[in-house]
Amino acid sequence: MTTAILAADARTPARTRTTPNPIPFTRILGVELRKMFDTRSGFWLMASIGILAVIATGAVILFAPSDEVDYSAFASAIGIPMTIILPMIAVLSVSSEWSQRSALTTFTLVPSRARVIGAKALLTVAVGVVSMLVALGVGAVGNVIGSALAGVDQSWNVSPTEFAQIVLADGIGMLMGFMLGVLLRNSPAAIVGYFVYALVLPGISGALASANDWWDQHGAWFDLNWASNRLYDNSLTGEMWAQLGVTTLLWLVLPLAIGLRFLMRAEVK
């Protein structure tokens, strides 16, 4: 009997398990992009980019003196809400996985956490750039309409270099939000942390600069807000670019590396 069973097993071909193909990175990008839109907070944050751009443009048309109606005025007005909204989008793109407890599902379907976080980082940058293009496009329309209503010639006094610097400055702010989301993995804590960085620390640094000559001369080597806000000005010297690089390394790159290390090893519940 045993011999017959062994003989039958020998005649049965061995079953081979097929290894499924890895999920394409483009599909991960698509899923992560939908996750940035398919919640109420995400949807309204995205929608508020266009809404606030239109409101800021209308405010310039209604309240700015006729001799100040130029593209720079519209770009400055639109840039103010962008510096707040874009980092919040970046924070929620990462921290919502833990706050809403969907990380277990995400990392079960895609065990490689690096691919998921890489997709989130890439989308963060892409959404920031596209949002700025849309917002500044609204400002361009406002400049045409505002100049016609004010009876003045159109002034396009924002060069491509200045525009690129504005995008870079807002991109740094958005990546700060992304870094805090990775480091803290908690939406309320990361949002509070960003406002401390963006609103509290500049005030402290400004007070130090007023009271201390050394900080007034060297503070830009340690204060990322100080160094990055210069991007909204006309041009940066070599020393200013070096200060931006050093402060970005201290405030953005190193904390992000620490946060990624903990995120890759953190227990997902």
C-alpha atoms as a PDB file:
ATOM      1  CA  MET A   1       0.000   0.000   0.000  1.00  0.00           C
ATOM      2  CA  THR A   2       2.743   2.389   0.956  1.00  0.00           C
ATOM      3  CA  THR A   3       4.647   1.486  -2.222  1.00  0.00           C
ATOM      4  CA  ALA A   4       1.574   2.270  -4.338  1.00  0.00           C
ATOM      5  CA  ILE A   5       1.127   5.665  -2.696  1.00  0.00           C
ATOM      6  CA  LEU A   6       4.792   6.546  -3.233  1.00  0.00           C
ATOM      7  CA  ALA A   7       4.549   5.465  -6.844  1.00  0.00           C
ATOM      8  CA  ALA A   8       1.473   7.642  -7.359  1.00  0.00           C
ATOM      9  CA  ASP A   9       3.216  10.602  -5.769  1.00  0.00           C
ATOM     10  CA  ALA A  10       6.190  10.067  -8.040  1.00  0.00           C
ATOM     11  CA  ARG A  11       3.931  10.231 -11.106  1.00  0.00           C
ATOM     12  CA  THR A  12       2.241  13.468  -9.876  1.00  0.00           C
ATOM     13  CA  PRO A  13       4.074  16.532 -11.180  1.00  0.00           C
ATOM     14  CA  ALA A  14       5.315  18.883  -8.477  1.00  0.00           C
ATOM     15  CA  ARG A  15       3.282  22.060  -8.098  1.00  0.00           C
ATOM     16  CA  THR A  16       5.278  25.225  -8.586  1.00  0.00           C
ATOM     17  CA  ARG A  17       4.261  28.422  -6.835  1.00  0.00           C
ATOM     18  CA  THR A  18       4.217  31.437  -9.070  1.00  0.00           C
ATOM     19  CA  THR A  19       5.765  34.585  -7.654  1.00  0.00           C
ATOM     20  CA  PRO A  20       3.540  37.592  -8.273  1.00  0.00           C
ATOM     21  CA  ASN A  21       5.063  40.534 -10.022  1.00  0.00           C
ATOM     22  CA  PRO A  22       5.865  43.510  -7.785  1.00  0.00           C
ATOM     23  CA  ILE A  23       3.372  46.351  -7.803  1.00  0.00           C
ATOM     24  CA  PRO A  24       4.524  48.941 -10.364  1.00  0.00           C
ATOM     25  CA  PHE A  25       5.755  52.197  -8.900  1.00  0.00           C
ATOM     26  CA  THR A  26       3.385  54.110 -11.177  1.00  0.00           C
ATOM     27  CA  ARG A  27       0.453  52.330  -9.540  1.00  0.00           C
ATOM     28  CA  ILE A  28       1.759  53.259  -6.090  1.00  0.00           C
ATOM     29  CA  LEU A  29       2.000  56.869  -7.259  1.00  0.00           C
ATOM     30  CA  GLY A  30      -1.581  56.750  -8.476  1.00  0.00           C
ATOM     31  CA  VAL A  31      -2.869  55.316  -5.215  1.00  0.00           C
ATOM     32  CA  GLU A  32      -0.939  57.789  -3.080  1.00  0.00           C
ATOM     33  CA  LEU A  33      -2.166  60.675  -5.237  1.00  0.00           C
ATOM     34  CA  ARG A  34      -5.786  59.568  -4.763  1.00  0.00           C
ATOM     35  CA  LYS A  35      -5.200  59.295  -1.021  1.00  0.00           C
ATOM     36  CA  MET A  36      -4.190  62.961  -0.981  1.00  0.00           C
ATOM     37  CA  PHE A  37      -7.609  63.896  -2.449  1.00  0.00           C
ATOM     38  CA  ASP A  38     -10.142  61.342  -1.217  1.00  0.00           C
ATOM     39  CA  THR A  39     -10.574  62.646   2.349  1.00  0.00           C
ATOM     40  CA  ARG A  40     -12.477  65.791   3.279  1.00  0.00           C
ATOM     41  CA  SER A  41      -9.396  67.463   4.716  1.00  0.00           C
ATOM     42  CA  GLY A  42      -7.268  66.548   1.705  1.00  0.00           C
ATOM     43  CA  PHE A  43      -9.909  67.617  -0.801  1.00  0.00           C
ATOM     44  CA  TRP A  44     -10.522  70.999   0.791  1.00  0.00           C
ATOM     45  CA  LEU A  45      -6.831  71.661   1.280  1.00  0.00           C
ATOM     46  CA  MET A  46      -6.298  71.072  -2.426  1.00  0.00           C
ATOM     47  CA  ALA A  47      -9.360  73.113  -3.348  1.00  0.00           C
ATOM     48  CA  SER A  48      -8.297  75.948  -1.055  1.00  0.00           C
ATOM     49  CA  ILE A  49      -5.187  76.510  -3.198  1.00  0.00           C
ATOM     50  CA  GLY A  50      -7.314  77.733  -6.075  1.00  0.00           C
ATOM     51  CA  ILE A  51      -9.922  79.386  -3.853  1.00  0.00           C
ATOM     52  CA  LEU A  52      -7.411  81.424  -1.875  1.00  0.00           C
ATOM     53  CA  ALA A  53      -5.472  82.314  -5.029  1.00  0.00           C
ATOM     54  CA  VAL A  54      -8.659  83.810  -6.479  1.00  0.00           C
ATOM     55  CA  ILE A  55      -9.449  85.617  -3.199  1.00  0.00           C
ATOM     56  CA  ALA A  56      -5.922  87.049  -2.935  1.00  0.00           C
ATOM     57  CA  THR A  57      -6.049  88.156  -6.566  1.00  0.00           C
ATOM     58  CA  GLY A  58      -9.407  89.835  -6.035  1.00  0.00           C
ATOM     59  CA  ALA A  59      -8.108  91.598  -2.924  1.00  0.00           C
ATOM     60  CA  VAL A  60      -5.208  93.079  -4.882  1.00  0.00           C
ATOM     61  CA  ILE A  61      -7.548  94.274  -7.644  1.00  0.00           C
ATOM     62  CA  LEU A  62      -9.941  95.856  -5.146  1.00  0.00           C
ATOM     63  CA  PHE A  63      -7.628  97.365  -2.570  1.00  0.00           C
ATOM     64  CA  ALA A  64      -4.164  97.914  -4.090  1.00  0.00           C
ATOM     65  CA  PRO A  65      -3.346 101.437  -5.335  1.00  0.00           C
ATOM     66  CA  SER A  66      -3.315 101.692  -9.117  1.00  0.00           C
ATOM     67  CA  ASP A  67       0.432 102.406  -9.215  1.00  0.00           C
ATOM     68  CA  GLU A  68       1.100  99.125  -7.336  1.00  0.00           C
ATOM     69  CA  VAL A  69      -0.956  96.851  -9.574  1.00  0.00           C
ATOM     70  CA  ASP A  70       1.724  94.633 -11.090  1.00  0.00           C
ATOM     71  CA  TYR A  71       2.515  90.950 -11.264  1.00  0.00           C
ATOM     72  CA  SER A  72       4.798  91.129  -8.244  1.00  0.00           C
ATOM     73  CA  ALA A  73       1.900  92.331  -6.084  1.00  0.00           C
ATOM     74  CA  PHE A  74      -0.284  89.419  -7.200  1.00  0.00           C
ATOM     75  CA  ALA A  75       2.517  86.882  -6.720  1.00  0.00           C
ATOM     76  CA  SER A  76       3.228  88.174  -3.201  1.00  0.00           C
ATOM     77  CA  ALA A  77      -0.447  88.111  -2.213  1.00  0.00           C
ATOM     78  CA  ILE A  78      -0.944  84.576  -3.514  1.00  0.00           C
ATOM     79  CA  GLY A  79       2.292  83.343  -1.959  1.00  0.00           C
ATOM     80  CA  ILE A  80       1.168  84.102   1.610  1.00  0.00           C
ATOM     81  CA  PRO A  81      -1.573  81.428   1.860  1.00  0.00           C
ATOM     82  CA  MET A  82       0.552  79.005  -0.178  1.00  0.00           C
ATOM     83  CA  THR A  83       3.236  79.012   2.531  1.00  0.00           C
ATOM     84  CA  ILE A  84       0.641  77.669   4.979  1.00  0.00           C
ATOM     85  CA  ILE A  85      -1.463  75.328   2.840  1.00  0.00           C
ATOM     86  CA  LEU A  86       1.275  73.439   0.996  1.00  0.00           C
ATOM     87  CA  PRO A  87       3.136  72.259   4.151  1.00  0.00           C
ATOM     88  CA  MET A  88      -0.183  71.044   5.623  1.00  0.00           C
ATOM     89  CA  ILE A  89      -0.740  68.907   2.520  1.00  0.00           C
ATOM     90  CA  ALA A  90       2.749  67.466   2.940  1.00  0.00           C
ATOM     91  CA  VAL A  91       2.196  66.749   6.639  1.00  0.00           C
ATOM     92  CA  LEU A  92      -1.069  64.898   6.054  1.00  0.00           C
ATOM     93  CA  SER A  93       0.326  62.898   3.117  1.00  0.00           C
ATOM     94  CA  VAL A  94       2.554  61.034   5.595  1.00  0.00           C
ATOM     95  CA  SER A  95       1.097  61.378   9.076  1.00  0.00           C
ATOM     96  CA  SER A  96      -2.462  60.444   8.088  1.00  0.00           C
ATOM     97  CA  GLU A  97      -1.295  56.847   7.558  1.00  0.00           C
ATOM     98  CA  TRP A  98      -0.711  56.609  11.312  1.00  0.00           C
ATOM     99  CA  SER A  99      -3.412  58.995  12.533  1.00  0.00           C
ATOM    100  CA  GLN A 100      -6.085  57.116  10.546  1.00  0.00           C
ATOM    101  CA  ARG A 101      -4.415  53.739  11.207  1.00  0.00           C
ATOM    102  CA  SER A 102      -4.213  52.804   7.548  1.00  0.00           C
ATOM    103  CA  ALA A 103      -0.457  52.160   7.641  1.00  0.00           C
ATOM    104  CA  LEU A 104      -0.975  48.461   8.385  1.00  0.00           C
ATOM    105  CA  THR A 105      -3.027  48.035   5.213  1.00  0.00           C
ATOM    106  CA  THR A 106      -0.623  50.117   3.146  1.00  0.00           C
ATOM    107  CA  PHE A 107       2.533  48.287   4.216  1.00  0.00           C
ATOM    108  CA  THR A 108       0.835  44.891   3.993  1.00  0.00           C
ATOM    109  CA  LEU A 109      -0.024  45.490   0.349  1.00  0.00           C
ATOM    110  CA  VAL A 110       3.363  47.118  -0.327  1.00  0.00           C
ATOM    111  CA  PRO A 111       5.890  45.678   2.155  1.00  0.00           C
ATOM    112  CA  SER A 112       8.655  47.974   0.871  1.00  0.00           C
ATOM    113  CA  ARG A 113       8.165  51.072   2.985  1.00  0.00           C
ATOM    114  CA  ALA A 114      10.845  52.892   1.019  1.00  0.00           C
ATOM    115  CA  ARG A 115       8.747  52.687  -2.173  1.00  0.00           C
ATOM    116  CA  VAL A 116       5.679  54.090  -0.426  1.00  0.00           C
ATOM    117  CA  ILE A 117       7.558  56.949   1.246  1.00  0.00           C
ATOM    118  CA  GLY A 118       9.411  57.656  -1.991  1.00  0.00           C
ATOM    119  CA  ALA A 119       6.085  57.945  -3.810  1.00  0.00           C
ATOM    120  CA  LYS A 120       4.766  60.304  -1.141  1.00  0.00           C
ATOM    121  CA  ALA A 121       7.901  62.465  -1.351  1.00  0.00           C
ATOM    122  CA  LEU A 122       7.754  62.647  -5.155  1.00  0.00           C
ATOM    123  CA  LEU A 123       4.074  63.580  -5.093  1.00  0.00           C
ATOM    124  CA  THR A 124       4.709  66.191  -2.414  1.00  0.00           C
ATOM    125  CA  VAL A 125       7.182  67.978  -4.676  1.00  0.00           C
ATOM    126  CA  ALA A 126       4.979  67.556  -7.764  1.00  0.00           C
ATOM    127  CA  VAL A 127       1.849  68.857  -6.027  1.00  0.00           C
ATOM    128  CA  GLY A 128       3.804  71.833  -4.707  1.00  0.00           C
ATOM    129  CA  VAL A 129       5.148  72.794  -8.129  1.00  0.00           C
ATOM    130  CA  VAL A 130       1.807  72.311  -9.906  1.00  0.00           C
ATOM    131  CA  SER A 131      -0.010  74.258  -7.187  1.00  0.00           C
ATOM    132  CA  MET A 132       2.384  77.169  -7.534  1.00  0.00           C
ATOM    133  CA  LEU A 133       1.975  77.155 -11.320  1.00  0.00           C
ATOM    134  CA  VAL A 134      -1.809  77.189 -10.985  1.00  0.00           C
ATOM    135  CA  ALA A 135      -1.741  79.918  -8.327  1.00  0.00           C
ATOM    136  CA  LEU A 136       0.632  82.138 -10.274  1.00  0.00           C
ATOM    137  CA  GLY A 137      -1.433  81.517 -13.407  1.00  0.00           C
ATOM    138  CA  VAL A 138      -4.420  82.902 -11.521  1.00  0.00           C
ATOM    139  CA  GLY A 139      -2.226  85.855 -10.561  1.00  0.00           C
ATOM    140  CA  ALA A 140      -1.361  86.414 -14.220  1.00  0.00           C
ATOM    141  CA  VAL A 141      -5.047  86.588 -15.121  1.00  0.00           C
ATOM    142  CA  GLY A 142      -5.545  88.970 -12.202  1.00  0.00           C
ATOM    143  CA  ASN A 143      -2.706  91.157 -13.446  1.00  0.00           C
ATOM    144  CA  VAL A 144      -4.330  91.469 -16.876  1.00  0.00           C
ATOM    145  CA  ILE A 145      -7.750  92.273 -15.395  1.00  0.00           C
ATOM    146  CA  GLY A 146      -6.398  94.530 -12.647  1.00  0.00           C
ATOM    147  CA  SER A 147      -4.253  96.549 -15.024  1.00  0.00           C
ATOM    148  CA  ALA A 148      -7.210  97.055 -17.359  1.00  0.00           C
ATOM    149  CA  LEU A 149      -9.496  98.160 -14.517  1.00  0.00           C
ATOM    150  CA  ALA A 150      -6.858 100.474 -13.033  1.00  0.00           C
ATOM    151  CA  GLY A 151      -6.047 101.956 -16.430  1.00  0.00           C
ATOM    152  CA  VAL A 152      -2.317 101.248 -16.194  1.00  0.00           C
ATOM    153  CA  ASP A 153       0.105  99.326 -18.368  1.00  0.00           C
ATOM    154  CA  GLN A 154       0.649  95.686 -17.540  1.00  0.00           C
ATOM    155  CA  SER A 155       3.846  95.096 -15.563  1.00  0.00           C
ATOM    156  CA  TRP A 156       5.363  91.607 -15.563  1.00  0.00           C
ATOM    157  CA  ASN A 157       8.131  92.339 -13.075  1.00  0.00           C
ATOM    158  CA  VAL A 158       8.765  88.742 -11.956  1.00  0.00           C
ATOM    159  CA  SER A 159      11.577  87.167 -13.947  1.00  0.00           C
ATOM    160  CA  PRO A 160      11.874  83.403 -14.525  1.00  0.00           C
ATOM    161  CA  THR A 161      14.744  83.320 -12.002  1.00  0.00           C
ATOM    162  CA  GLU A 162      12.636  85.045  -9.358  1.00  0.00           C
ATOM    163  CA  PHE A 163       9.745  82.706 -10.094  1.00  0.00           C
ATOM    164  CA  ALA A 164      12.038  79.687  -9.710  1.00  0.00           C
ATOM    165  CA  GLN A 165      13.277  81.055  -6.379  1.00  0.00           C
ATOM    166  CA  ILE A 166       9.695  81.484  -5.156  1.00  0.00           C
ATOM    167  CA  VAL A 167       8.915  77.882  -6.103  1.00  0.00           C
ATOM    168  CA  LEU A 168      12.093  76.734  -4.339  1.00  0.00           C
ATOM    169  CA  ALA A 169      11.203  78.658  -1.172  1.00  0.00           C
ATOM    170  CA  ASP A 170       7.697  77.178  -1.068  1.00  0.00           C
ATOM    171  CA  GLY A 171       9.147  73.765  -1.891  1.00  0.00           C
ATOM    172  CA  ILE A 172      11.458  73.952   1.129  1.00  0.00           C
ATOM    173  CA  GLY A 173       8.477  74.823   3.314  1.00  0.00           C
ATOM    174  CA  MET A 174       6.509  71.913   1.904  1.00  0.00           C
ATOM    175  CA  LEU A 175       9.408  69.514   2.487  1.00  0.00           C
ATOM    176  CA  MET A 176       9.608  70.781   6.067  1.00  0.00           C
ATOM    177  CA  GLY A 177       6.023  69.650   6.503  1.00  0.00           C
ATOM    178  CA  PHE A 178       6.882  66.305   4.908  1.00  0.00           C
ATOM    179  CA  MET A 179       9.869  65.908   7.234  1.00  0.00           C
ATOM    180  CA  LEU A 180       7.751  66.621  10.318  1.00  0.00           C
ATOM    181  CA  GLY A 181       5.164  64.101   9.136  1.00  0.00           C
ATOM    182  CA  VAL A 182       7.878  61.440   8.780  1.00  0.00           C
ATOM    183  CA  LEU A 183       9.584  62.340  12.053  1.00  0.00           C
ATOM    184  CA  LEU A 184       6.494  62.612  14.281  1.00  0.00           C
ATOM    185  CA  ARG A 185       3.981  60.414  12.414  1.00  0.00           C
ATOM    186  CA  ASN A 186       1.120  62.236  14.136  1.00  0.00           C
ATOM    187  CA  SER A 187      -0.949  64.856  12.307  1.00  0.00           C
ATOM    188  CA  PRO A 188      -1.730  67.273  15.184  1.00  0.00           C
ATOM    189  CA  ALA A 189       1.839  67.123  16.527  1.00  0.00           C
ATOM    190  CA  ALA A 190       3.351  67.646  13.068  1.00  0.00           C
ATOM    191  CA  ILE A 191       1.041  70.582  12.275  1.00  0.00           C
ATOM    192  CA  VAL A 192       1.837  72.240  15.604  1.00  0.00           C
ATOM    193  CA  GLY A 193       5.524  71.569  15.003  1.00  0.00           C
ATOM    194  CA  TYR A 194       5.363  73.298  11.634  1.00  0.00           C
ATOM    195  CA  PHE A 195       3.700  76.401  13.055  1.00  0.00           C
ATOM    196  CA  VAL A 196       6.332  76.532  15.783  1.00  0.00           C
ATOM    197  CA  TYR A 197       9.005  76.379  13.088  1.00  0.00           C
ATOM    198  CA  ALA A 198       7.296  78.892  10.787  1.00  0.00           C
ATOM    199  CA  LEU A 199       5.915  81.398  13.303  1.00  0.00           C
ATOM    200  CA  VAL A 200       7.566  81.029  16.709  1.00  0.00           C
ATOM    201  CA  LEU A 201      11.202  80.399  15.847  1.00  0.00           C
ATOM    202  CA  PRO A 202      11.485  83.369  13.422  1.00  0.00           C
ATOM    203  CA  GLY A 203      10.264  85.669  16.196  1.00  0.00           C
ATOM    204  CA  ILE A 204      12.839  84.294  18.605  1.00  0.00           C
ATOM    205  CA  SER A 205      15.560  84.594  15.982  1.00  0.00           C
ATOM    206  CA  GLY A 206      14.540  88.176  15.201  1.00  0.00           C
ATOM    207  CA  ALA A 207      14.666  89.085  18.892  1.00  0.00           C
ATOM    208  CA  LEU A 208      18.136  87.549  19.167  1.00  0.00           C
ATOM    209  CA  ALA A 209      19.296  89.489  16.110  1.00  0.00           C
ATOM    210  CA  SER A 210      18.092  92.739  17.690  1.00  0.00           C
ATOM    211  CA  ALA A 211      19.800  92.029  21.013  1.00  0.00           C
ATOM    212  CA  ASN A 212      22.954  90.233  19.915  1.00  0.00           C
ATOM    213  CA  ASP A 213      25.376  91.462  17.254  1.00  0.00           C
ATOM    214  CA  TRP A 214      26.911  88.027  16.702  1.00  0.00           C
ATOM    215  CA  TRP A 215      23.535  86.473  15.906  1.00  0.00           C
ATOM    216  CA  ASP A 216      22.655  89.433  13.691  1.00  0.00           C
ATOM    217  CA  GLN A 217      25.769  88.727  11.606  1.00  0.00           C
ATOM    218  CA  HIS A 218      25.775  84.918  11.689  1.00  0.00           C
ATOM    219  CA  GLY A 219      22.185  83.870  12.400  1.00  0.00           C
ATOM    220  CA  ALA A 220      21.471  83.052   8.746  1.00  0.00           C
ATOM    221  CA  TRP A 221      23.907  80.123   9.067  1.00  0.00           C
ATOM    222  CA  PHE A 222      21.567  78.520  11.636  1.00  0.00           C
ATOM    223  CA  ASP A 223      18.067  79.841  10.876  1.00  0.00           C
ATOM    224  CA  LEU A 224      16.440  78.181   7.856  1.00  0.00           C
ATOM    225  CA  ASN A 225      13.564  80.666   7.793  1.00  0.00           C
ATOM    226  CA  TRP A 226      16.041  83.529   7.638  1.00  0.00           C
ATOM    227  CA  ALA A 227      18.011  81.893   4.832  1.00  0.00           C
ATOM    228  CA  SER A 228      15.035  80.707   2.774  1.00  0.00           C
ATOM    229  CA  ASN A 229      13.013  83.932   3.015  1.00  0.00           C
ATOM    230  CA  ARG A 230      15.758  85.622   1.007  1.00  0.00           C
ATOM    231  CA  LEU A 231      14.588  83.559  -1.970  1.00  0.00           C
ATOM    232  CA  TYR A 232      11.639  85.931  -2.232  1.00  0.00           C
ATOM    233  CA  ASP A 233      14.076  88.804  -2.825  1.00  0.00           C
ATOM    234  CA  ASN A 234      15.720  89.593  -6.144  1.00  0.00           C
ATOM    235  CA  SER A 235      18.984  87.643  -6.049  1.00  0.00           C
ATOM    236  CA  LEU A 236      21.215  85.758  -3.644  1.00  0.00           C
ATOM    237  CA  THR A 237      24.964  86.017  -3.265  1.00  0.00           C
ATOM    238  CA  GLY A 238      27.208  82.987  -3.042  1.00  0.00           C
ATOM    239  CA  GLU A 239      27.343  83.314   0.739  1.00  0.00           C
ATOM    240  CA  MET A 240      23.551  83.425   0.934  1.00  0.00           C
ATOM    241  CA  TRP A 241      23.284  80.228  -1.127  1.00  0.00           C
ATOM    242  CA  ALA A 242      25.830  78.597   1.180  1.00  0.00           C
ATOM    243  CA  GLN A 243      23.795  79.642   4.222  1.00  0.00           C
ATOM    244  CA  LEU A 244      20.667  78.192   2.619  1.00  0.00           C
ATOM    245  CA  GLY A 245      22.484  74.912   1.978  1.00  0.00           C
ATOM    246  CA  VAL A 246      23.855  74.637   5.529  1.00  0.00           C
ATOM    247  CA  THR A 247      20.531  75.443   7.208  1.00  0.00           C
ATOM    248  CA  THR A 248      18.661  73.064   4.896  1.00  0.00           C
ATOM    249  CA  LEU A 249      21.068  70.312   5.894  1.00  0.00           C
ATOM    250  CA  LEU A 250      20.627  71.054   9.609  1.00  0.00           C
ATOM    251  CA  TRP A 251      16.868  71.595   9.693  1.00  0.00           C
ATOM    252  CA  LEU A 252      15.617  69.401   6.847  1.00  0.00           C
ATOM    253  CA  VAL A 253      18.004  66.712   5.650  1.00  0.00           C
ATOM    254  CA  LEU A 254      19.308  65.426   8.998  1.00  0.00           C
ATOM    255  CA  PRO A 255      15.901  65.300  10.761  1.00  0.00           C
ATOM    256  CA  LEU A 256      14.408  63.638   7.674  1.00  0.00           C
ATOM    257  CA  ALA A 257      17.146  60.981   7.711  1.00  0.00           C
ATOM    258  CA  ILE A 258      16.490  60.316  11.413  1.00  0.00           C
ATOM    259  CA  GLY A 259      12.741  60.162  10.825  1.00  0.00           C
ATOM    260  CA  LEU A 260      13.125  57.760   7.910  1.00  0.00           C
ATOM    261  CA  ARG A 261      15.338  55.478   9.992  1.00  0.00           C
ATOM    262  CA  PHE A 262      12.713  55.254  12.729  1.00  0.00           C
ATOM    263  CA  LEU A 263       9.859  54.951  10.241  1.00  0.00           C
ATOM    264  CA  MET A 264      11.481  51.984   8.490  1.00  0.00           C
ATOM    265  CA  ARG A 265      11.805  50.152  11.822  1.00  0.00           C
ATOM    266  CA  ALA A 266       8.641  51.319  13.596  1.00  0.00           C
ATOM    267  CA  GLU A 267       6.035  48.750  14.518  1.00  0.00           C
ATOM    268  CA  VAL A 268       2.897  49.258  12.458  1.00  0.00           C
ATOM    269  CA  LYS A 269      -0.349  48.800  14.370  1.00  0.00           C
END
